[in-house]
Amino acid sequence: MNKEKSKRKLRNRRNHDGFLKYIYSRPQNTRALFRIAAKKNKVLREILSEVDLDTLEEISGAYNDVGERGEADLAFRVKSKAGEDIIFGILLEHKSSPSDDIFAQIGRYTLRVMVNKSNPELASLPTKAIVIYNGTDKWDPLEKYRSIRAKYKDRVPNFEFAFVNLAEIDDEICLADENVEAAVGIITMKYAFKAGKYRRMLPKIEERLKTISMSDSATLISKIELYLGEYITTTSLKRLKMAFQSIGQRLGFVSAGDVRRAEEKEARSLRAKIKRKDAEIARKDAENASLAAEIAALKAQLAALAAK
């Protein structure tokens, strides 16, 4: 992989980190993500069946101490339905392309992030890792996970694993969910590489945006614009921004994108005014220079006459 591809990959990772963190660091949105994805994902249903998702709590700043923030996205702790103060850890990882070292990554985070300092019996939290995938390449890490588990007789990897391919989520079921932010976030990630299909989803997205506050809608749209800007072409993004601008106008709010566009328009207008003023000054300077030359010539003639 050349340097340019590496930079682009890192930039994409940082942007989807920001998008994922904005929406799914909120436990209610993460619960909705799991609820929607689990409808067609048996493995996800199974590994979450023993936990009480109402107790889901983000491990804030979990990756600040390990020096690898940007690969793993979000970490949570959650209580067992069985009670008895049993706590599990949940890692939520977003991937846009297949990753050969995904289990090595998760293994590191399990050791470094899922620390259980309050329990003298167990140094780390038993972990459930969930990968959210929105790439276009075929990828089945679940099969590899099972193969590794069989090879080492279930000793490693030292975590449970579920793989959520967003392409398998039903759009209608998703957008029907009561949690608008979570649902729109899923659809946005699902079609991040397919601008045309995403544009066709906009009328349905708009209907859902009508049900939340204008400020929440405006912020969500600005986050979506930033996120999609790392995946689709400039032309496609321009079309989407125009569509979002129309949605914003119909919903009656001014989005961050609208403010930015207004500022850019004002800046262009100001630059044009300055250019016109500079041209006018240059013209007047030229006229003044011409007058000065004429005056100098007249003075020279007067001096010549006086000398006779």
C-alpha atoms as a PDB file:
ATOM      1  CA  MET A   1       0.000   0.000   0.000  1.00  0.00           C
ATOM      2  CA  ASN A   2       1.518   3.344  -1.016  1.00  0.00           C
ATOM      3  CA  LYS A   3       1.702   6.419   1.218  1.00  0.00           C
ATOM      4  CA  GLU A   4      -1.296   8.134  -0.387  1.00  0.00           C
ATOM      5  CA  LYS A   5      -3.520   5.094   0.175  1.00  0.00           C
ATOM      6  CA  SER A   6      -2.283   4.826   3.759  1.00  0.00           C
ATOM      7  CA  LYS A   7      -3.090   8.490   4.410  1.00  0.00           C
ATOM      8  CA  ARG A   8      -6.546   8.095   2.854  1.00  0.00           C
ATOM      9  CA  LYS A   9      -7.225   4.981   4.912  1.00  0.00           C
ATOM     10  CA  LEU A  10      -6.220   6.751   8.132  1.00  0.00           C
ATOM     11  CA  ARG A  11      -8.310   9.803   7.217  1.00  0.00           C
ATOM     12  CA  ASN A  12     -11.354   7.607   6.545  1.00  0.00           C
ATOM     13  CA  ARG A  13     -10.820   5.797   9.810  1.00  0.00           C
ATOM     14  CA  ARG A  14     -10.664   9.038  11.778  1.00  0.00           C
ATOM     15  CA  ASN A  15     -13.797  10.385  10.105  1.00  0.00           C
ATOM     16  CA  HIS A  16     -15.859   7.287  10.633  1.00  0.00           C
ATOM     17  CA  ASP A  17     -14.552   7.200  14.204  1.00  0.00           C
ATOM     18  CA  GLY A  18     -15.975  10.680  14.721  1.00  0.00           C
ATOM     19  CA  PHE A  19     -19.296   9.806  13.097  1.00  0.00           C
ATOM     20  CA  LEU A  20     -19.661   6.535  14.994  1.00  0.00           C
ATOM     21  CA  LYS A  21     -18.661   8.153  18.272  1.00  0.00           C
ATOM     22  CA  TYR A  22     -21.067  11.068  17.823  1.00  0.00           C
ATOM     23  CA  ILE A  23     -24.051   8.745  17.395  1.00  0.00           C
ATOM     24  CA  TYR A  24     -23.234   5.491  19.152  1.00  0.00           C
ATOM     25  CA  SER A  25     -21.352   6.691  22.212  1.00  0.00           C
ATOM     26  CA  ARG A  26     -24.864   7.365  23.533  1.00  0.00           C
ATOM     27  CA  PRO A  27     -26.064   4.119  25.114  1.00  0.00           C
ATOM     28  CA  GLN A  28     -29.645   4.563  23.871  1.00  0.00           C
ATOM     29  CA  ASN A  29     -28.372   4.750  20.287  1.00  0.00           C
ATOM     30  CA  THR A  30     -26.074   1.764  20.736  1.00  0.00           C
ATOM     31  CA  ARG A  31     -28.986  -0.258  22.114  1.00  0.00           C
ATOM     32  CA  ALA A  32     -30.976   0.685  19.013  1.00  0.00           C
ATOM     33  CA  LEU A  33     -28.089  -0.342  16.751  1.00  0.00           C
ATOM     34  CA  PHE A  34     -27.957  -3.745  18.436  1.00  0.00           C
ATOM     35  CA  ARG A  35     -31.758  -4.071  18.366  1.00  0.00           C
ATOM     36  CA  ILE A  36     -31.936  -3.348  14.625  1.00  0.00           C
ATOM     37  CA  ALA A  37     -28.935  -5.493  13.675  1.00  0.00           C
ATOM     38  CA  ALA A  38     -30.005  -8.436  15.844  1.00  0.00           C
ATOM     39  CA  LYS A  39     -33.261  -8.877  13.931  1.00  0.00           C
ATOM     40  CA  LYS A  40     -31.356 -10.737  11.200  1.00  0.00           C
ATOM     41  CA  ASN A  41     -28.163 -11.639  13.048  1.00  0.00           C
ATOM     42  CA  LYS A  42     -28.457 -14.784  15.135  1.00  0.00           C
ATOM     43  CA  VAL A  43     -24.910 -14.627  16.510  1.00  0.00           C
ATOM     44  CA  LEU A  44     -25.406 -11.069  17.743  1.00  0.00           C
ATOM     45  CA  ARG A  45     -28.664 -12.091  19.424  1.00  0.00           C
ATOM     46  CA  GLU A  46     -26.892 -14.980  21.120  1.00  0.00           C
ATOM     47  CA  ILE A  47     -23.926 -13.085  22.537  1.00  0.00           C
ATOM     48  CA  LEU A  48     -26.144 -10.268  23.804  1.00  0.00           C
ATOM     49  CA  SER A  49     -28.820 -12.542  25.253  1.00  0.00           C
ATOM     50  CA  GLU A  50     -27.198 -12.715  28.699  1.00  0.00           C
ATOM     51  CA  VAL A  51     -26.634  -8.976  29.198  1.00  0.00           C
ATOM     52  CA  ASP A  52     -28.981  -6.230  30.338  1.00  0.00           C
ATOM     53  CA  LEU A  53     -28.554  -3.546  27.675  1.00  0.00           C
ATOM     54  CA  ASP A  54     -30.444  -1.055  29.843  1.00  0.00           C
ATOM     55  CA  THR A  55     -27.283  -0.960  31.978  1.00  0.00           C
ATOM     56  CA  LEU A  56     -25.002  -0.194  29.021  1.00  0.00           C
ATOM     57  CA  GLU A  57     -22.405   2.438  29.934  1.00  0.00           C
ATOM     58  CA  GLU A  58     -19.605   3.859  27.788  1.00  0.00           C
ATOM     59  CA  ILE A  59     -16.067   3.494  29.106  1.00  0.00           C
ATOM     60  CA  SER A  60     -15.247   7.131  28.463  1.00  0.00           C
ATOM     61  CA  GLY A  61     -11.762   7.872  27.120  1.00  0.00           C
ATOM     62  CA  ALA A  62     -10.946   4.165  27.051  1.00  0.00           C
ATOM     63  CA  TYR A  63      -8.453   4.484  24.201  1.00  0.00           C
ATOM     64  CA  ASN A  64      -6.622   7.566  25.425  1.00  0.00           C
ATOM     65  CA  ASP A  65      -4.344   5.440  27.566  1.00  0.00           C
ATOM     66  CA  VAL A  66      -3.362   2.784  25.030  1.00  0.00           C
ATOM     67  CA  GLY A  67      -2.035   4.984  22.215  1.00  0.00           C
ATOM     68  CA  GLU A  68      -4.116   3.265  19.552  1.00  0.00           C
ATOM     69  CA  ARG A  69      -7.286   5.361  19.420  1.00  0.00           C
ATOM     70  CA  GLY A  70      -8.530   5.418  15.849  1.00  0.00           C
ATOM     71  CA  GLU A  71      -8.578   1.660  15.274  1.00  0.00           C
ATOM     72  CA  ALA A  72     -11.098   0.655  17.902  1.00  0.00           C
ATOM     73  CA  ASP A  73     -14.063   2.944  18.232  1.00  0.00           C
ATOM     74  CA  LEU A  74     -16.129   2.498  21.360  1.00  0.00           C
ATOM     75  CA  ALA A  75     -15.950   0.493  24.566  1.00  0.00           C
ATOM     76  CA  PHE A  76     -18.776  -0.215  27.007  1.00  0.00           C
ATOM     77  CA  ARG A  77     -19.446  -2.085  30.196  1.00  0.00           C
ATOM     78  CA  VAL A  78     -22.764  -3.811  30.796  1.00  0.00           C
ATOM     79  CA  LYS A  79     -24.292  -5.887  33.578  1.00  0.00           C
ATOM     80  CA  SER A  80     -25.362  -9.499  33.290  1.00  0.00           C
ATOM     81  CA  LYS A  81     -29.061 -10.348  33.420  1.00  0.00           C
ATOM     82  CA  ALA A  82     -28.116 -12.897  36.071  1.00  0.00           C
ATOM     83  CA  GLY A  83     -27.123 -10.136  38.447  1.00  0.00           C
ATOM     84  CA  GLU A  84     -24.512 -11.095  41.040  1.00  0.00           C
ATOM     85  CA  ASP A  85     -22.474  -8.033  40.012  1.00  0.00           C
ATOM     86  CA  ILE A  86     -21.277  -9.772  36.852  1.00  0.00           C
ATOM     87  CA  ILE A  87     -19.974  -7.175  34.385  1.00  0.00           C
ATOM     88  CA  PHE A  88     -19.145  -7.708  30.707  1.00  0.00           C
ATOM     89  CA  GLY A  89     -17.210  -5.487  28.322  1.00  0.00           C
ATOM     90  CA  ILE A  90     -18.433  -4.676  24.815  1.00  0.00           C
ATOM     91  CA  LEU A  91     -16.103  -3.459  22.070  1.00  0.00           C
ATOM     92  CA  LEU A  92     -17.761  -1.789  19.087  1.00  0.00           C
ATOM     93  CA  GLU A  93     -15.492  -1.650  16.036  1.00  0.00           C
ATOM     94  CA  HIS A  94     -16.333  -0.064  12.676  1.00  0.00           C
ATOM     95  CA  LYS A  95     -14.547  -1.349   9.569  1.00  0.00           C
ATOM     96  CA  SER A  96     -14.889  -0.055   6.012  1.00  0.00           C
ATOM     97  CA  SER A  97     -12.602  -2.675   4.478  1.00  0.00           C
ATOM     98  CA  PRO A  98     -11.464  -6.194   5.409  1.00  0.00           C
ATOM     99  CA  SER A  99      -8.773  -6.356   8.084  1.00  0.00           C
ATOM    100  CA  ASP A 100      -6.442  -9.337   8.345  1.00  0.00           C
ATOM    101  CA  ASP A 101      -5.356  -8.455  11.871  1.00  0.00           C
ATOM    102  CA  ILE A 102      -8.794  -7.756  13.300  1.00  0.00           C
ATOM    103  CA  PHE A 103      -8.520 -10.427  16.006  1.00  0.00           C
ATOM    104  CA  ALA A 104      -5.040  -9.297  17.030  1.00  0.00           C
ATOM    105  CA  GLN A 105      -6.428  -5.759  17.374  1.00  0.00           C
ATOM    106  CA  ILE A 106      -9.378  -6.849  19.456  1.00  0.00           C
ATOM    107  CA  GLY A 107      -7.125  -9.059  21.574  1.00  0.00           C
ATOM    108  CA  ARG A 108      -4.926  -6.070  22.415  1.00  0.00           C
ATOM    109  CA  TYR A 109      -7.916  -3.944  23.350  1.00  0.00           C
ATOM    110  CA  THR A 110      -9.341  -6.701  25.495  1.00  0.00           C
ATOM    111  CA  LEU A 111      -6.146  -6.712  27.548  1.00  0.00           C
ATOM    112  CA  ARG A 112      -5.566  -2.952  27.633  1.00  0.00           C
ATOM    113  CA  VAL A 113      -9.049  -1.464  27.740  1.00  0.00           C
ATOM    114  CA  MET A 114     -11.256  -4.028  29.446  1.00  0.00           C
ATOM    115  CA  VAL A 115      -9.534  -3.682  32.793  1.00  0.00           C
ATOM    116  CA  ASN A 116     -11.632  -4.570  35.824  1.00  0.00           C
ATOM    117  CA  LYS A 117      -9.898  -2.786  38.704  1.00  0.00           C
ATOM    118  CA  SER A 118     -12.842  -3.137  41.064  1.00  0.00           C
ATOM    119  CA  ASN A 119     -12.909  -6.941  40.966  1.00  0.00           C
ATOM    120  CA  PRO A 120     -10.108  -8.722  42.885  1.00  0.00           C
ATOM    121  CA  GLU A 121     -11.160 -12.041  41.364  1.00  0.00           C
ATOM    122  CA  LEU A 122     -10.811 -11.023  37.712  1.00  0.00           C
ATOM    123  CA  ALA A 123      -8.271  -8.625  36.211  1.00  0.00           C
ATOM    124  CA  SER A 124     -10.240  -7.944  33.024  1.00  0.00           C
ATOM    125  CA  LEU A 125     -13.848  -7.919  31.868  1.00  0.00           C
ATOM    126  CA  PRO A 126     -15.098 -10.886  29.818  1.00  0.00           C
ATOM    127  CA  THR A 127     -15.499  -9.216  26.443  1.00  0.00           C
ATOM    128  CA  LYS A 128     -17.984  -9.334  23.594  1.00  0.00           C
ATOM    129  CA  ALA A 129     -16.501  -7.793  20.426  1.00  0.00           C
ATOM    130  CA  ILE A 130     -18.863  -6.568  17.708  1.00  0.00           C
ATOM    131  CA  VAL A 131     -17.562  -5.453  14.317  1.00  0.00           C
ATOM    132  CA  ILE A 132     -19.788  -3.171  12.222  1.00  0.00           C
ATOM    133  CA  TYR A 133     -18.832  -3.503   8.542  1.00  0.00           C
ATOM    134  CA  ASN A 134     -19.945  -1.239   5.700  1.00  0.00           C
ATOM    135  CA  GLY A 135     -17.379  -2.138   3.035  1.00  0.00           C
ATOM    136  CA  THR A 136     -18.076  -3.417  -0.459  1.00  0.00           C
ATOM    137  CA  ASP A 137     -15.497  -6.234  -0.454  1.00  0.00           C
ATOM    138  CA  LYS A 138     -16.570  -9.708   0.590  1.00  0.00           C
ATOM    139  CA  TRP A 139     -15.446 -10.455   4.149  1.00  0.00           C
ATOM    140  CA  ASP A 140     -16.368 -13.147   6.646  1.00  0.00           C
ATOM    141  CA  PRO A 141     -14.230 -12.809   9.804  1.00  0.00           C
ATOM    142  CA  LEU A 142     -16.765 -14.884  11.741  1.00  0.00           C
ATOM    143  CA  GLU A 143     -15.693 -17.983   9.817  1.00  0.00           C
ATOM    144  CA  LYS A 144     -12.051 -17.236  10.630  1.00  0.00           C
ATOM    145  CA  TYR A 145     -12.938 -16.668  14.286  1.00  0.00           C
ATOM    146  CA  ARG A 146     -14.616 -20.067  14.495  1.00  0.00           C
ATOM    147  CA  SER A 147     -11.648 -21.688  12.758  1.00  0.00           C
ATOM    148  CA  ILE A 148      -9.193 -20.205  15.257  1.00  0.00           C
ATOM    149  CA  ARG A 149     -11.397 -21.231  18.189  1.00  0.00           C
ATOM    150  CA  ALA A 150     -11.573 -24.791  16.878  1.00  0.00           C
ATOM    151  CA  LYS A 151      -7.825 -24.929  16.255  1.00  0.00           C
ATOM    152  CA  TYR A 152      -7.002 -23.866  19.812  1.00  0.00           C
ATOM    153  CA  LYS A 153      -9.886 -25.795  21.406  1.00  0.00           C
ATOM    154  CA  ASP A 154     -11.770 -22.617  22.422  1.00  0.00           C
ATOM    155  CA  ARG A 155      -8.816 -21.209  24.393  1.00  0.00           C
ATOM    156  CA  VAL A 156      -8.323 -18.244  22.049  1.00  0.00           C
ATOM    157  CA  PRO A 157      -9.378 -15.693  21.014  1.00  0.00           C
ATOM    158  CA  ASN A 158     -10.224 -14.668  24.572  1.00  0.00           C
ATOM    159  CA  PHE A 159     -13.461 -12.896  23.627  1.00  0.00           C
ATOM    160  CA  GLU A 160     -16.855 -13.565  22.064  1.00  0.00           C
ATOM    161  CA  PHE A 161     -17.351 -12.219  18.570  1.00  0.00           C
ATOM    162  CA  ALA A 162     -20.187 -11.061  16.313  1.00  0.00           C
ATOM    163  CA  PHE A 163     -19.921  -9.637  12.809  1.00  0.00           C
ATOM    164  CA  VAL A 164     -22.564  -7.200  11.548  1.00  0.00           C
ATOM    165  CA  ASN A 165     -22.538  -6.572   7.802  1.00  0.00           C
ATOM    166  CA  LEU A 166     -24.737  -3.502   7.332  1.00  0.00           C
ATOM    167  CA  ALA A 167     -25.606  -4.655   3.808  1.00  0.00           C
ATOM    168  CA  GLU A 168     -27.754  -7.356   5.416  1.00  0.00           C
ATOM    169  CA  ILE A 169     -29.899  -4.913   7.408  1.00  0.00           C
ATOM    170  CA  ASP A 170     -33.371  -4.295   5.987  1.00  0.00           C
ATOM    171  CA  ASP A 171     -33.887  -0.592   5.196  1.00  0.00           C
ATOM    172  CA  GLU A 172     -37.585  -0.559   6.055  1.00  0.00           C
ATOM    173  CA  ILE A 173     -37.077  -2.304   9.386  1.00  0.00           C
ATOM    174  CA  CYS A 174     -34.182   0.008  10.176  1.00  0.00           C
ATOM    175  CA  LEU A 175     -35.970   3.294   9.428  1.00  0.00           C
ATOM    176  CA  ALA A 176     -39.079   2.113  11.259  1.00  0.00           C
ATOM    177  CA  ASP A 177     -37.150   1.993  14.526  1.00  0.00           C
ATOM    178  CA  GLU A 178     -38.139   4.587  17.106  1.00  0.00           C
ATOM    179  CA  ASN A 179     -34.554   5.803  17.477  1.00  0.00           C
ATOM    180  CA  VAL A 180     -34.038   8.184  14.538  1.00  0.00           C
ATOM    181  CA  GLU A 181     -30.357   8.986  15.078  1.00  0.00           C
ATOM    182  CA  ALA A 182     -29.376   5.329  15.287  1.00  0.00           C
ATOM    183  CA  ALA A 183     -31.479   4.357  12.262  1.00  0.00           C
ATOM    184  CA  VAL A 184     -30.255   7.204  10.036  1.00  0.00           C
ATOM    185  CA  GLY A 185     -26.697   6.478  11.156  1.00  0.00           C
ATOM    186  CA  ILE A 186     -27.028   2.854  10.031  1.00  0.00           C
ATOM    187  CA  ILE A 187     -28.451   3.812   6.628  1.00  0.00           C
ATOM    188  CA  THR A 188     -25.706   6.408   6.148  1.00  0.00           C
ATOM    189  CA  MET A 189     -22.937   3.922   6.911  1.00  0.00           C
ATOM    190  CA  LYS A 190     -24.619   1.213   4.851  1.00  0.00           C
ATOM    191  CA  TYR A 191     -24.677   3.343   1.689  1.00  0.00           C
ATOM    192  CA  ALA A 192     -21.475   5.311   2.293  1.00  0.00           C
ATOM    193  CA  PHE A 193     -19.952   3.907  -0.907  1.00  0.00           C
ATOM    194  CA  LYS A 194     -23.187   4.133  -2.922  1.00  0.00           C
ATOM    195  CA  ALA A 195     -24.125   7.785  -3.294  1.00  0.00           C
ATOM    196  CA  GLY A 196     -26.888   7.100  -5.829  1.00  0.00           C
ATOM    197  CA  LYS A 197     -28.682   4.631  -3.571  1.00  0.00           C
ATOM    198  CA  TYR A 198     -28.232   6.930  -0.610  1.00  0.00           C
ATOM    199  CA  ARG A 199     -29.831   9.834  -2.492  1.00  0.00           C
ATOM    200  CA  ARG A 200     -32.826   7.615  -3.242  1.00  0.00           C
ATOM    201  CA  MET A 201     -33.153   6.994   0.499  1.00  0.00           C
ATOM    202  CA  LEU A 202     -33.256  10.718   1.320  1.00  0.00           C
ATOM    203  CA  PRO A 203     -37.072  11.140   1.155  1.00  0.00           C
ATOM    204  CA  LYS A 204     -37.462   8.397   3.774  1.00  0.00           C
ATOM    205  CA  ILE A 205     -34.638   9.866   5.851  1.00  0.00           C
ATOM    206  CA  GLU A 206     -36.320  13.275   5.670  1.00  0.00           C
ATOM    207  CA  GLU A 207     -39.562  11.809   6.996  1.00  0.00           C
ATOM    208  CA  ARG A 208     -37.699  10.470  10.030  1.00  0.00           C
ATOM    209  CA  LEU A 209     -35.814  13.746  10.576  1.00  0.00           C
ATOM    210  CA  LYS A 210     -39.162  15.513  10.888  1.00  0.00           C
ATOM    211  CA  THR A 211     -39.785  13.604  14.102  1.00  0.00           C
ATOM    212  CA  ILE A 212     -36.767  14.975  16.002  1.00  0.00           C
ATOM    213  CA  SER A 213     -35.774  18.506  16.985  1.00  0.00           C
ATOM    214  CA  MET A 214     -34.443  20.931  14.376  1.00  0.00           C
ATOM    215  CA  SER A 215     -31.146  21.305  16.224  1.00  0.00           C
ATOM    216  CA  ASP A 216     -30.638  17.518  16.352  1.00  0.00           C
ATOM    217  CA  SER A 217     -31.511  17.232  12.643  1.00  0.00           C
ATOM    218  CA  ALA A 218     -29.119  20.040  11.704  1.00  0.00           C
ATOM    219  CA  THR A 219     -26.246  18.554  13.702  1.00  0.00           C
ATOM    220  CA  LEU A 220     -26.857  15.053  12.361  1.00  0.00           C
ATOM    221  CA  ILE A 221     -26.868  16.288   8.757  1.00  0.00           C
ATOM    222  CA  SER A 222     -23.615  18.209   9.251  1.00  0.00           C
ATOM    223  CA  LYS A 223     -21.996  15.041  10.674  1.00  0.00           C
ATOM    224  CA  ILE A 224     -23.288  13.010   7.718  1.00  0.00           C
ATOM    225  CA  GLU A 225     -21.839  15.498   5.203  1.00  0.00           C
ATOM    226  CA  LEU A 226     -18.427  15.270   6.876  1.00  0.00           C
ATOM    227  CA  TYR A 227     -18.558  11.463   7.031  1.00  0.00           C
ATOM    228  CA  LEU A 228     -19.664  10.886   3.430  1.00  0.00           C
ATOM    229  CA  GLY A 229     -17.081  13.367   2.160  1.00  0.00           C
ATOM    230  CA  GLU A 230     -14.403  10.731   2.771  1.00  0.00           C
ATOM    231  CA  TYR A 231     -16.146   8.034   0.742  1.00  0.00           C
ATOM    232  CA  ILE A 232     -17.881   9.466  -2.328  1.00  0.00           C
ATOM    233  CA  THR A 233     -16.815  11.647  -5.248  1.00  0.00           C
ATOM    234  CA  THR A 234     -16.859  15.442  -5.081  1.00  0.00           C
ATOM    235  CA  THR A 235     -19.703  15.570  -7.621  1.00  0.00           C
ATOM    236  CA  SER A 236     -21.819  13.081  -5.676  1.00  0.00           C
ATOM    237  CA  LEU A 237     -21.137  14.920  -2.431  1.00  0.00           C
ATOM    238  CA  LYS A 238     -22.153  18.232  -4.025  1.00  0.00           C
ATOM    239  CA  ARG A 239     -25.474  16.691  -5.091  1.00  0.00           C
ATOM    240  CA  LEU A 240     -26.057  15.303  -1.625  1.00  0.00           C
ATOM    241  CA  LYS A 241     -25.258  18.652  -0.015  1.00  0.00           C
ATOM    242  CA  MET A 242     -27.794  20.335  -2.289  1.00  0.00           C
ATOM    243  CA  ALA A 243     -30.349  17.692  -1.309  1.00  0.00           C
ATOM    244  CA  PHE A 244     -29.588  18.192   2.381  1.00  0.00           C
ATOM    245  CA  GLN A 245     -29.873  21.954   1.927  1.00  0.00           C
ATOM    246  CA  SER A 246     -33.352  21.461   0.472  1.00  0.00           C
ATOM    247  CA  ILE A 247     -34.292  19.169   3.353  1.00  0.00           C
ATOM    248  CA  GLY A 248     -33.071  21.761   5.828  1.00  0.00           C
ATOM    249  CA  GLN A 249     -35.113  24.483   4.173  1.00  0.00           C
ATOM    250  CA  ARG A 250     -38.242  22.325   4.231  1.00  0.00           C
ATOM    251  CA  LEU A 251     -37.696  21.399   7.868  1.00  0.00           C
ATOM    252  CA  GLY A 252     -37.074  25.034   8.746  1.00  0.00           C
ATOM    253  CA  PHE A 253     -33.551  24.881  10.134  1.00  0.00           C
ATOM    254  CA  VAL A 254     -30.186  26.271   9.151  1.00  0.00           C
ATOM    255  CA  SER A 255     -27.596  23.506   9.208  1.00  0.00           C
ATOM    256  CA  ALA A 256     -23.885  23.910   9.776  1.00  0.00           C
ATOM    257  CA  GLY A 257     -23.497  23.226   6.062  1.00  0.00           C
ATOM    258  CA  ASP A 258     -25.917  26.057   5.267  1.00  0.00           C
ATOM    259  CA  VAL A 259     -23.940  28.423   7.493  1.00  0.00           C
ATOM    260  CA  ARG A 260     -20.687  27.370   5.841  1.00  0.00           C
ATOM    261  CA  ARG A 261     -22.130  27.845   2.365  1.00  0.00           C
ATOM    262  CA  ALA A 262     -23.494  31.280   3.318  1.00  0.00           C
ATOM    263  CA  GLU A 263     -20.101  32.274   4.693  1.00  0.00           C
ATOM    264  CA  GLU A 264     -18.382  31.066   1.520  1.00  0.00           C
ATOM    265  CA  LYS A 265     -20.857  33.030  -0.613  1.00  0.00           C
ATOM    266  CA  GLU A 266     -20.300  36.158   1.478  1.00  0.00           C
ATOM    267  CA  ALA A 267     -16.524  35.696   1.222  1.00  0.00           C
ATOM    268  CA  ARG A 268     -16.746  35.369  -2.581  1.00  0.00           C
ATOM    269  CA  SER A 269     -18.884  38.514  -2.743  1.00  0.00           C
ATOM    270  CA  LEU A 270     -16.415  40.393  -0.546  1.00  0.00           C
ATOM    271  CA  ARG A 271     -13.465  39.273  -2.678  1.00  0.00           C
ATOM    272  CA  ALA A 272     -15.298  40.459  -5.799  1.00  0.00           C
ATOM    273  CA  LYS A 273     -15.966  43.861  -4.194  1.00  0.00           C
ATOM    274  CA  ILE A 274     -12.321  44.192  -3.184  1.00  0.00           C
ATOM    275  CA  LYS A 275     -11.235  43.278  -6.708  1.00  0.00           C
ATOM    276  CA  ARG A 276     -13.556  45.915  -8.191  1.00  0.00           C
ATOM    277  CA  LYS A 277     -12.341  48.524  -5.690  1.00  0.00           C
ATOM    278  CA  ASP A 278      -8.709  47.684  -6.460  1.00  0.00           C
ATOM    279  CA  ALA A 279      -9.435  48.100 -10.171  1.00  0.00           C
ATOM    280  CA  GLU A 280     -11.105  51.464  -9.518  1.00  0.00           C
ATOM    281  CA  ILE A 281      -8.150  52.644  -7.424  1.00  0.00           C
ATOM    282  CA  ALA A 282      -5.724  51.493 -10.118  1.00  0.00           C
ATOM    283  CA  ARG A 283      -7.742  53.388 -12.736  1.00  0.00           C
ATOM    284  CA  LYS A 284      -7.753  56.547 -10.634  1.00  0.00           C
ATOM    285  CA  ASP A 285      -4.046  56.151  -9.937  1.00  0.00           C
ATOM    286  CA  ALA A 286      -3.463  55.937 -13.673  1.00  0.00           C
ATOM    287  CA  GLU A 287      -5.586  59.056 -14.239  1.00  0.00           C
ATOM    288  CA  ASN A 288      -3.739  60.901 -11.475  1.00  0.00           C
ATOM    289  CA  ALA A 289      -0.412  59.862 -12.942  1.00  0.00           C
ATOM    290  CA  SER A 290      -1.519  61.157 -16.335  1.00  0.00           C
ATOM    291  CA  LEU A 291      -2.636  64.472 -14.797  1.00  0.00           C
ATOM    292  CA  ALA A 292       0.626  64.743 -12.889  1.00  0.00           C
ATOM    293  CA  ALA A 293       2.525  64.221 -16.126  1.00  0.00           C
ATOM    294  CA  GLU A 294       0.489  66.934 -17.854  1.00  0.00           C
ATOM    295  CA  ILE A 295       1.050  69.346 -14.943  1.00  0.00           C
ATOM    296  CA  ALA A 296       4.766  68.609 -14.992  1.00  0.00           C
ATOM    297  CA  ALA A 297       4.854  69.303 -18.735  1.00  0.00           C
ATOM    298  CA  LEU A 298       3.010  72.620 -18.283  1.00  0.00           C
ATOM    299  CA  LYS A 299       5.383  73.631 -15.492  1.00  0.00           C
ATOM    300  CA  ALA A 300       8.302  72.854 -17.751  1.00  0.00           C
ATOM    301  CA  GLN A 301       6.822  75.038 -20.490  1.00  0.00           C
ATOM    302  CA  LEU A 302       6.252  77.900 -18.005  1.00  0.00           C
ATOM    303  CA  ALA A 303       9.811  77.592 -16.765  1.00  0.00           C
ATOM    304  CA  ALA A 304      11.088  77.721 -20.332  1.00  0.00           C
ATOM    305  CA  LEU A 305       9.051  80.881 -21.081  1.00  0.00           C
ATOM    306  CA  ALA A 306      10.238  82.539 -17.881  1.00  0.00           C
ATOM    307  CA  ALA A 307      13.847  81.858 -18.799  1.00  0.00           C
ATOM    308  CA  LYS A 308      13.585  83.798 -22.089  1.00  0.00           C
END
